[in-house]
């Protein structure tokens, strides 16, 4: 069960559940292999999947970096 960040908040950032799962899984694997690659200053979650979901919610982790308008 996903409590934080909520699924609704995450689906506002990533448009499909499938893409959300794939992105979070790939990022969690990166975090597992390289502990120094953290994007946020602090995390609520201790697990890598939770950290990846928090990065998605914050907007730091996206599928296509070129789609971000600055």
C-alpha atoms as a PDB file:
ATOM      1  CA  UNK A   1       0.000   0.000   0.000  1.00  0.00           C
ATOM      2  CA  UNK A   2       1.397   3.342  -1.027  1.00  0.00           C
ATOM      3  CA  UNK A   3       0.883   6.065   1.563  1.00  0.00           C
ATOM      4  CA  UNK A   4       3.479   8.702   0.714  1.00  0.00           C
ATOM      5  CA  UNK A   5       3.715  10.048  -1.864  1.00  0.00           C
ATOM      6  CA  UNK A   6       0.147   9.343  -2.882  1.00  0.00           C
ATOM      7  CA  UNK A   7      -0.613   7.637  -6.145  1.00  0.00           C
ATOM      8  CA  UNK A   8      -2.760  10.576  -7.246  1.00  0.00           C
ATOM      9  CA  UNK A   9       0.123  13.022  -6.747  1.00  0.00           C
ATOM     10  CA  UNK A  10       2.477  10.757  -8.693  1.00  0.00           C
ATOM     11  CA  UNK A  11       0.056  10.318 -11.587  1.00  0.00           C
ATOM     12  CA  UNK A  12      -0.055  14.100 -11.967  1.00  0.00           C
ATOM     13  CA  UNK A  13       3.675  13.949 -12.784  1.00  0.00           C
ATOM     14  CA  UNK A  14       3.737  10.709 -14.826  1.00  0.00           C
ATOM     15  CA  UNK A  15       0.707  10.012 -16.995  1.00  0.00           C
ATOM     16  CA  UNK A  16       0.566   6.189 -16.776  1.00  0.00           C
ATOM     17  CA  UNK A  17       0.954   3.696 -13.951  1.00  0.00           C
ATOM     18  CA  UNK A  18       3.161   1.501 -16.130  1.00  0.00           C
ATOM     19  CA  UNK A  19       5.604   4.333 -16.847  1.00  0.00           C
ATOM     20  CA  UNK A  20       5.600   5.274 -13.174  1.00  0.00           C
ATOM     21  CA  UNK A  21       6.521   1.729 -12.104  1.00  0.00           C
ATOM     22  CA  UNK A  22       9.274   1.388 -14.710  1.00  0.00           C
ATOM     23  CA  UNK A  23      10.805   4.774 -13.862  1.00  0.00           C
ATOM     24  CA  UNK A  24      10.708   4.117 -10.099  1.00  0.00           C
ATOM     25  CA  UNK A  25      12.209   0.636 -10.505  1.00  0.00           C
ATOM     26  CA  UNK A  26      15.079   1.871 -12.678  1.00  0.00           C
ATOM     27  CA  UNK A  27      15.829   4.722 -10.277  1.00  0.00           C
ATOM     28  CA  UNK A  28      15.645   2.404  -7.249  1.00  0.00           C
ATOM     29  CA  UNK A  29      18.223   0.140  -8.892  1.00  0.00           C
ATOM     30  CA  UNK A  30      20.490   3.138  -9.500  1.00  0.00           C
ATOM     31  CA  UNK A  31      20.155   4.161  -5.858  1.00  0.00           C
ATOM     32  CA  UNK A  32      20.953   0.615  -4.749  1.00  0.00           C
ATOM     33  CA  UNK A  33      24.119   0.495  -6.853  1.00  0.00           C
ATOM     34  CA  UNK A  34      25.322   4.038  -6.091  1.00  0.00           C
ATOM     35  CA  UNK A  35      24.457   5.485  -2.689  1.00  0.00           C
ATOM     36  CA  UNK A  36      25.983   8.905  -3.510  1.00  0.00           C
ATOM     37  CA  UNK A  37      23.547   9.651  -6.353  1.00  0.00           C
ATOM     38  CA  UNK A  38      20.819  11.208  -4.179  1.00  0.00           C
ATOM     39  CA  UNK A  39      18.787  14.031  -5.759  1.00  0.00           C
ATOM     40  CA  UNK A  40      16.989  15.392  -2.680  1.00  0.00           C
ATOM     41  CA  UNK A  41      18.410  16.788   0.549  1.00  0.00           C
ATOM     42  CA  UNK A  42      16.235  14.571   2.741  1.00  0.00           C
ATOM     43  CA  UNK A  43      13.862  11.646   2.276  1.00  0.00           C
ATOM     44  CA  UNK A  44      10.972  10.331   4.360  1.00  0.00           C
ATOM     45  CA  UNK A  45      11.455   6.806   3.050  1.00  0.00           C
ATOM     46  CA  UNK A  46      14.356   4.574   3.976  1.00  0.00           C
ATOM     47  CA  UNK A  47      13.825   2.237   1.010  1.00  0.00           C
ATOM     48  CA  UNK A  48      15.101   2.952  -2.485  1.00  0.00           C
ATOM     49  CA  UNK A  49      11.711   2.586  -4.204  1.00  0.00           C
ATOM     50  CA  UNK A  50      10.211   5.112  -1.785  1.00  0.00           C
ATOM     51  CA  UNK A  51      13.115   7.485  -2.413  1.00  0.00           C
ATOM     52  CA  UNK A  52      12.579   7.157  -6.165  1.00  0.00           C
ATOM     53  CA  UNK A  53       8.875   7.952  -5.775  1.00  0.00           C
ATOM     54  CA  UNK A  54       9.709  11.007  -3.661  1.00  0.00           C
ATOM     55  CA  UNK A  55      12.072  12.203  -6.420  1.00  0.00           C
ATOM     56  CA  UNK A  56       9.282  11.790  -8.980  1.00  0.00           C
ATOM     57  CA  UNK A  57       6.836  13.723  -6.787  1.00  0.00           C
ATOM     58  CA  UNK A  58       9.325  16.576  -6.330  1.00  0.00           C
ATOM     59  CA  UNK A  59       9.782  16.840 -10.100  1.00  0.00           C
ATOM     60  CA  UNK A  60      13.511  16.075  -9.996  1.00  0.00           C
ATOM     61  CA  UNK A  61      13.037  12.705 -11.698  1.00  0.00           C
ATOM     62  CA  UNK A  62      11.208  12.712 -15.035  1.00  0.00           C
ATOM     63  CA  UNK A  63      10.955  10.352 -17.994  1.00  0.00           C
ATOM     64  CA  UNK A  64      12.114  12.789 -20.668  1.00  0.00           C
ATOM     65  CA  UNK A  65      14.305  15.665 -19.420  1.00  0.00           C
ATOM     66  CA  UNK A  66      13.745  17.533 -22.702  1.00  0.00           C
ATOM     67  CA  UNK A  67      10.014  17.806 -21.923  1.00  0.00           C
ATOM     68  CA  UNK A  68      10.634  20.140 -18.970  1.00  0.00           C
ATOM     69  CA  UNK A  69      10.075  23.805 -19.740  1.00  0.00           C
ATOM     70  CA  UNK A  70      12.268  26.229 -17.862  1.00  0.00           C
END
